[in-house]
Protein backbone atom coordinates (compact mmCIF):
# COMPACT_ATOMS: atom_id res chain seq x y z
CA MET A 1 0.00 0.00 0.00
CA LYS A 2 0.93 3.64 -0.34
CA ILE A 3 1.08 4.90 3.24
CA ALA A 4 1.57 8.31 4.83
CA VAL A 5 3.39 7.89 8.16
CA LEU A 6 3.09 10.63 10.74
CA LEU A 7 6.41 10.95 12.57
CA SER A 8 6.69 12.80 15.86
CA GLY A 9 10.36 12.28 16.65
CA GLY A 10 9.58 9.65 19.28
CA VAL A 11 10.35 5.95 19.44
CA ASP A 12 6.77 4.76 18.80
CA SER A 13 6.20 6.39 15.42
CA SER A 14 9.76 5.50 14.37
CA VAL A 15 9.16 1.80 15.04
CA ALA A 16 5.79 2.02 13.27
CA LEU A 17 7.53 3.36 10.16
CA ARG A 18 10.23 0.70 10.29
CA LEU A 19 7.71 -2.14 10.64
CA LEU A 20 5.76 -0.90 7.63
CA GLN A 21 8.99 -0.61 5.65
CA GLU A 22 9.82 -4.25 6.41
CA GLN A 23 6.40 -5.20 5.06
CA GLY A 24 7.29 -3.63 1.73
CA HIS A 25 4.89 -0.69 1.64
CA ASP A 26 5.49 2.53 -0.30
CA LEU A 27 6.10 5.06 2.49
CA THR A 28 6.29 8.82 2.82
CA ALA A 29 6.94 10.36 6.23
CA PHE A 30 5.15 13.52 7.32
CA TYR A 31 5.90 15.87 10.20
CA LEU A 32 2.99 18.12 11.18
CA LYS A 33 4.22 21.57 12.07
CA ILE A 34 1.68 22.55 14.72
CA TRP A 35 4.00 23.97 17.36
CA LEU A 36 3.37 27.63 18.08
CA GLU A 37 6.25 30.01 17.49
CA ASP A 38 4.93 32.69 19.82
CA GLU A 39 4.67 30.29 22.74
CA THR A 40 8.05 28.63 22.25
CA HIS A 41 9.71 32.03 21.84
CA TYR A 42 7.98 33.43 24.91
CA LEU A 43 8.95 30.43 27.02
CA GLY A 44 12.55 30.58 25.92
CA ASN A 45 13.13 27.26 24.18
CA CYS A 46 12.18 25.36 21.04
CA PRO A 47 11.33 21.73 21.87
CA TRP A 48 10.12 21.12 18.32
CA GLN A 49 13.66 21.47 16.97
CA GLU A 50 14.80 18.37 18.86
CA ASP A 51 11.79 16.49 17.46
CA MET A 52 12.69 17.58 13.94
CA ASN A 53 16.30 16.45 14.39
CA TYR A 54 15.13 12.95 15.32
CA VAL A 55 12.62 12.87 12.47
CA HIS A 56 15.33 13.78 9.95
CA ALA A 57 17.69 11.18 11.44
CA VAL A 58 15.09 8.40 11.16
CA CYS A 59 14.20 9.32 7.57
CA GLU A 60 17.85 9.49 6.55
CA GLN A 61 18.59 6.09 8.09
CA THR A 62 15.57 4.45 6.44
CA SER A 63 15.75 6.39 3.15
CA VAL A 64 12.09 7.37 3.50
CA PRO A 65 11.20 10.77 2.00
CA LEU A 66 10.03 13.41 4.46
CA ARG A 67 7.54 16.24 4.04
CA VAL A 68 6.78 18.94 6.59
CA VAL A 69 3.18 20.16 6.65
CA PRO A 70 2.53 23.58 8.28
CA LEU A 71 -0.81 23.56 10.14
CA GLN A 72 -0.26 26.16 12.87
CA LYS A 73 -3.14 28.42 11.87
CA GLU A 74 -5.57 25.55 11.53
CA TYR A 75 -4.37 24.05 14.80
CA TYR A 76 -4.94 27.26 16.67
CA GLU A 77 -8.45 27.61 15.29
CA LYS A 78 -9.48 23.98 15.89
CA VAL A 79 -7.67 23.02 19.09
CA VAL A 80 -6.00 25.88 20.94
CA SER A 81 -9.04 28.17 20.85
CA TYR A 82 -11.23 25.34 22.16
CA THR A 83 -8.73 24.62 24.94
CA LEU A 84 -8.60 28.24 26.08
CA ALA A 85 -12.39 28.66 25.99
CA GLU A 86 -12.87 25.55 28.12
CA ILE A 87 -10.25 26.63 30.64
CA LYS A 88 -11.82 30.08 31.00
CA ALA A 89 -15.19 28.40 31.65
CA GLY A 90 -13.64 26.42 34.50
CA HIS A 91 -13.65 23.15 32.58
CA THR A 92 -10.93 20.52 32.08
CA PRO A 93 -10.33 20.12 28.32
CA ASN A 94 -8.24 17.51 26.56
CA PRO A 95 -6.58 19.07 23.51
CA ASP A 96 -5.03 15.77 22.40
CA VAL A 97 -8.47 14.29 21.67
CA PHE A 98 -9.31 17.18 19.36
CA CYS A 99 -5.82 17.09 17.84
CA ASN A 100 -6.40 13.52 16.66
CA ALA A 101 -9.95 14.07 15.45
CA PHE A 102 -9.51 17.42 13.71
CA ILE A 103 -5.81 17.61 12.79
CA LYS A 104 -3.98 14.28 12.45
CA PHE A 105 -6.98 12.39 11.08
CA GLY A 106 -8.88 15.45 9.88
CA LEU A 107 -7.11 18.33 8.19
CA PHE A 108 -4.12 16.16 7.37
CA PHE A 109 -6.44 13.75 5.53
CA ASP A 110 -7.67 16.73 3.53
CA HIS A 111 -4.09 17.78 2.85
CA ILE A 112 -3.06 14.48 1.28
CA ASP A 113 -6.40 14.42 -0.60
CA GLY A 114 -6.75 10.70 -1.20
CA SER A 115 -3.20 10.29 -2.48
CA TYR A 116 -2.44 7.58 0.09
CA ASP A 117 -4.24 4.36 0.96
CA ARG A 118 -3.65 4.68 4.69
CA VAL A 119 -2.33 7.06 7.35
CA ALA A 120 -0.14 5.41 9.99
CA THR A 121 0.81 6.68 13.45
CA GLY A 122 2.57 5.34 16.53
CA HIS A 123 -0.57 5.13 18.67
CA TYR A 124 -1.16 2.16 20.95
CA ALA A 125 -4.52 1.11 19.55
CA GLN A 126 -5.98 -1.41 17.11
CA VAL A 127 -8.57 -1.30 14.33
CA LYS A 128 -10.83 -4.18 13.36
CA THR A 129 -13.61 -4.46 10.77
CA VAL A 130 -16.70 -6.31 12.00
CA LYS A 131 -19.88 -6.56 9.88
CA GLU A 132 -18.66 -3.77 7.56
CA ALA A 133 -18.09 -1.43 10.52
CA THR A 134 -14.64 -0.25 11.55
CA GLN A 135 -14.12 -0.62 15.27
CA LEU A 136 -11.50 0.78 17.62
CA ILE A 137 -9.93 -1.88 19.86
CA SER A 138 -7.76 -1.33 22.94
CA ALA A 139 -4.06 -2.16 22.87
CA PRO A 140 -2.99 -5.11 25.04
CA ASP A 141 -0.72 -2.82 27.05
CA PRO A 142 -3.19 -1.25 29.55
CA VAL A 143 -0.74 1.44 30.62
CA LYS A 144 0.08 2.67 27.11
CA ASP A 145 -3.33 2.10 25.49
CA GLN A 146 -4.30 5.33 23.70
CA THR A 147 -7.85 4.59 22.58
CA TYR A 148 -8.95 7.29 25.04
CA PHE A 149 -7.34 9.90 22.79
CA LEU A 150 -8.81 8.36 19.61
CA ALA A 151 -12.41 7.95 20.75
CA TYR A 152 -13.63 10.99 18.79
CA LEU A 153 -12.64 9.50 15.43
CA GLN A 154 -15.37 8.55 12.97
CA GLN A 155 -15.83 5.66 10.55
CA ASP A 156 -14.17 7.27 7.54
CA GLN A 157 -11.17 8.28 9.66
CA LEU A 158 -10.62 4.90 11.30
CA GLY A 159 -11.12 3.19 7.96
CA ARG A 160 -7.92 4.82 6.68
CA ALA A 161 -5.94 4.60 9.93
CA LEU A 162 -3.09 2.19 10.63
CA PHE A 163 -1.57 1.56 14.06
CA PRO A 164 1.40 -0.75 13.36
CA ILE A 165 2.50 -1.03 17.02
CA GLY A 166 -1.00 -1.26 18.50
CA HIS A 167 -0.65 -4.98 19.25
CA LEU A 168 2.64 -4.54 21.14
CA TYR A 169 3.71 -3.66 24.67
CA LYS A 170 6.00 -0.71 25.24
CA ASP A 171 9.00 -2.87 26.16
CA GLN A 172 8.55 -4.78 22.90
CA VAL A 173 8.60 -1.50 20.98
CA ARG A 174 11.79 -0.48 22.77
CA ASP A 175 13.37 -3.82 21.88
CA LEU A 176 12.41 -3.39 18.23
CA ALA A 177 13.89 0.11 18.20
CA LYS A 178 17.20 -1.33 19.44
CA ASN A 179 17.09 -4.18 16.92
CA PHE A 180 16.50 -1.66 14.12
CA ASN A 181 19.18 0.60 15.67
CA LEU A 182 16.85 3.57 15.33
CA PRO A 183 18.16 7.01 16.37
CA THR A 184 15.17 7.30 18.73
CA GLN A 185 15.76 4.02 20.57
CA ASP A 186 16.83 5.67 23.85
CA ARG A 187 14.61 8.75 23.67
CA LYS A 188 12.25 9.19 26.61
CA ASP A 189 8.51 9.47 26.09
CA SER A 190 7.20 13.01 25.84
CA GLN A 191 4.95 14.13 28.69
CA GLY A 192 3.89 17.41 27.13
CA ILE A 193 0.72 18.28 25.24
CA CYS A 194 0.79 17.56 21.54
CA PHE A 195 1.32 21.08 20.21
CA LEU A 196 4.03 22.16 22.63
CA GLY A 197 6.25 19.12 22.85
CA LYS A 198 7.97 19.15 26.23
CA LEU A 199 6.36 22.34 27.47
CA LYS A 200 4.09 21.83 30.43
CA PHE A 201 0.40 22.59 30.23
CA ALA A 202 0.64 25.07 33.14
CA GLU A 203 3.26 27.07 31.22
CA PHE A 204 0.97 27.26 28.20
CA ILE A 205 -1.92 28.45 30.38
CA ARG A 206 0.28 31.06 32.09
CA HIS A 207 1.30 32.48 28.72
CA TYR A 208 -2.33 33.12 27.73
CA LEU A 209 -4.07 33.78 31.05
CA GLY A 210 -1.28 34.89 33.37
CA ASP A 211 -1.51 34.74 37.16
CA GLN A 212 -4.41 36.19 39.13
CA ILE A 213 -4.60 35.84 42.91
CA GLY A 214 -7.78 34.18 44.16
CA ASP A 215 -9.07 32.53 47.31
CA LEU A 216 -8.70 28.92 48.40
CA ILE A 217 -11.92 28.21 50.30
CA GLU A 218 -12.89 25.23 52.46
CA PHE A 219 -15.91 23.66 50.81
CA GLU A 220 -17.80 22.76 53.97
CA SER A 221 -17.28 25.92 56.05
CA GLY A 222 -16.72 28.62 53.43
CA ASN A 223 -13.61 29.76 55.33
CA LYS A 224 -10.69 31.20 53.41
CA LEU A 225 -7.64 28.96 53.86
CA GLY A 226 -5.17 30.64 51.55
CA THR A 227 -4.68 31.96 48.04
CA HIS A 228 -3.87 30.61 44.59
CA LYS A 229 -2.63 32.09 41.31
CA GLY A 230 -5.67 31.34 39.16
CA PHE A 231 -8.51 28.82 39.12
CA TRP A 232 -7.39 27.74 35.64
CA TYR A 233 -4.42 25.89 37.14
CA TYR A 234 -6.71 23.46 39.00
CA THR A 235 -8.94 20.58 38.00
CA ILE A 236 -11.65 18.74 39.91
CA GLY A 237 -10.22 15.89 41.99
CA GLN A 238 -6.72 17.35 42.13
CA ARG A 239 -5.02 16.64 45.46
CA GLN A 240 -1.69 18.37 44.99
CA GLY A 241 -0.64 21.95 44.45
CA SER A 242 -2.75 23.78 47.04
CA GLY A 243 0.18 24.34 49.40
CA LEU A 244 -2.10 23.82 52.42
CA ALA A 245 -1.02 21.90 55.50
CA GLY A 246 -3.10 19.20 57.18
CA GLY A 247 -4.19 17.52 53.97
CA PRO A 248 -4.64 15.87 51.67
CA TRP A 249 -6.85 18.63 50.29
CA TYR A 250 -8.95 17.85 47.21
CA VAL A 251 -10.22 20.38 44.70
CA VAL A 252 -14.00 19.88 44.64
CA SER A 253 -15.23 22.87 42.63
CA LYS A 254 -14.24 26.15 41.01
CA ASP A 255 -16.03 29.47 40.52
CA PRO A 256 -14.70 31.30 37.45
CA ALA A 257 -16.77 34.40 38.25
CA THR A 258 -14.95 35.00 41.55
CA ASN A 259 -11.71 33.14 40.74
CA SER A 260 -12.32 30.90 43.77
CA VAL A 261 -11.14 27.33 44.27
CA PHE A 262 -13.00 25.16 46.79
CA VAL A 263 -11.11 22.41 48.58
CA SER A 264 -11.97 19.74 51.14
CA ARG A 265 -10.32 17.05 53.21
CA TYR A 266 -13.52 15.02 53.54
CA TYR A 267 -15.42 15.49 50.30
CA TYR A 268 -14.50 12.04 49.05
CA ASP A 269 -15.03 10.09 52.26
CA GLY A 270 -17.92 8.11 50.77
CA THR A 271 -20.72 10.28 52.12
CA LYS A 272 -21.00 12.40 48.98
CA GLN A 273 -22.47 10.95 45.81
CA ARG A 274 -19.81 11.17 43.10
CA ASN A 275 -21.02 8.43 40.82
CA ARG A 276 -23.41 10.09 38.36
CA PHE A 277 -22.87 12.45 35.46
CA SER A 278 -24.12 13.18 31.98
CA ILE A 279 -22.26 13.57 28.71
CA SER A 280 -23.09 15.45 25.53
CA ARG A 281 -21.66 15.90 22.01
CA CYS A 282 -21.27 12.14 21.88
CA ASN A 283 -19.32 10.48 19.08
CA TRP A 284 -20.26 6.82 18.67
CA ILE A 285 -17.64 5.13 16.50
CA ALA A 286 -19.58 2.28 14.87
CA PHE A 287 -23.12 2.55 16.25
CA GLU A 288 -24.99 4.14 19.14
CA PRO A 289 -24.93 1.64 22.00
CA GLN A 290 -28.12 0.66 23.76
CA ALA A 291 -28.68 1.23 27.46
CA GLY A 292 -26.67 -1.31 29.42
CA HIS A 293 -23.61 -2.18 31.44
CA TYR A 294 -20.25 -0.97 30.12
CA GLN A 295 -16.91 0.40 31.31
CA VAL A 296 -15.88 4.04 31.21
CA LYS A 297 -12.70 6.10 31.47
CA MET A 298 -12.81 9.73 32.60
CA ARG A 299 -9.11 10.26 31.92
CA HIS A 300 -6.23 8.56 30.15
CA GLY A 301 -4.82 5.59 32.04
CA LYS A 302 -5.57 1.96 32.73
CA ALA A 303 -8.32 2.57 35.29
CA LYS A 304 -11.85 1.84 34.09
CA HIS A 305 -15.12 2.11 36.02
CA ASN A 306 -17.96 -0.34 35.58
CA CYS A 307 -21.03 1.70 34.74
CA TYR A 308 -24.58 1.74 33.44
CA MET A 309 -25.13 4.01 30.44
CA ILE A 310 -28.46 5.37 29.21
CA PRO A 311 -28.36 7.16 25.82
CA ASP A 312 -31.06 9.69 24.93
CA GLY A 313 -30.79 9.27 21.16
CA GLU A 314 -29.88 12.93 20.69
CA GLY A 315 -26.13 12.84 21.21
CA SER A 316 -26.23 12.79 25.00
CA ALA A 317 -26.25 10.09 27.67
CA SER A 318 -26.40 9.53 31.42
CA ILE A 319 -23.78 7.44 33.19
CA ILE A 320 -24.02 5.82 36.62
CA LEU A 321 -20.79 4.42 38.07
CA GLU A 322 -20.71 1.34 40.28
CA THR A 323 -18.11 3.11 42.42
CA HIS A 324 -17.37 6.74 43.27
CA ASP A 325 -14.75 8.79 41.48
CA GLN A 326 -13.16 11.91 42.91
CA GLY A 327 -12.30 13.49 39.59
CA ILE A 328 -15.50 13.84 37.56
CA ALA A 329 -14.64 17.15 35.92
CA PRO A 330 -16.76 19.10 33.43
CA GLY A 331 -15.06 19.31 30.04
CA GLN A 332 -13.28 16.00 30.35
CA PHE A 333 -13.97 13.25 27.86
CA ALA A 334 -15.76 10.17 29.14
CA VAL A 335 -14.85 7.24 26.89
CA LEU A 336 -17.11 4.19 26.86
CA TYR A 337 -15.89 0.61 26.42
CA ASP A 338 -17.42 -2.81 25.95
CA GLN A 339 -14.49 -4.90 27.21
CA ASP A 340 -11.65 -4.15 24.76
CA ARG A 341 -13.85 -2.36 22.22
CA CYS A 342 -13.94 1.42 22.40
CA LEU A 343 -17.48 2.55 21.60
CA GLY A 344 -16.94 6.30 21.54
CA ALA A 345 -16.91 9.33 23.80
CA GLY A 346 -18.83 12.31 25.09
CA ILE A 347 -17.92 15.47 27.00
CA ILE A 348 -18.80 15.56 30.71
CA ASN A 349 -21.34 18.24 31.57
CA GLU A 350 -21.49 20.32 34.72
CA THR A 351 -22.10 18.06 37.74
CA ARG A 352 -23.80 18.87 41.03
């Protein structure tokens, strides 16, 4: 097949490219230029340059042609603006989900305009066709599984997607990188958000929203316990970063209008109901699931909650967890699973 391979400069996408090359496919590597010059200049470093160096090194070693695609303007309009709007509203967005749906498997698809049979990435996920429907399947590595970030993809996008390392564990990928002697074999995994490489999310927020002193308030009593530098640095369920003694203190709510952050030591002691929420703007990958028992993730990671889901047929649904969760945060994506099959996702609404 003729395949476009998205390279990030990391070990995962490099191994994906090398595996496809061994299979004899006609490959072209692409690097999406979505890093933001203003932000990297303001913060005093350019993490993208290191990524580019690794991308060039991998392409030179494998003799795969490389093209750089500039998508900064589109990325800002589709992903960054959404992220900032959600943060200002007191929500907890996930820009990586939108990056996959609207950039890597969206605008980039438009850019190559049907010239390639498939688009391959280094995601830990699998695709399977069942009864003419393309389904998203979890990777066997529960720690690295990235179906959470891909749950907003649609049929036409998944139908063209390839995840060559999706069936592997991370240590197997590392071993393959060493066997192939790839330049990225010893490179550590990036912990930054997709458009800023190694830059931390808090640094990105500070660049746009700055610091603004507000009150840290005890949820139960209403007493002021201290101050913070902006409600936008906190997310529901967070238990670190308050600087208060006598904890642990959990963030239980935020008030954007007054720049207040409410914390509690006892909010998650089992007496408060934190097991129900609703989701909207649902994307069901293959079909809309019926009401029933499933599993759900409210954040990336291996932890899943057993739940009962009731769809309303209009792009929204109600979810009841079997157990409580301290971090049900508006704006987060709730991703629904039926065992290893990812059914889709919705955005968590305000909870009370």
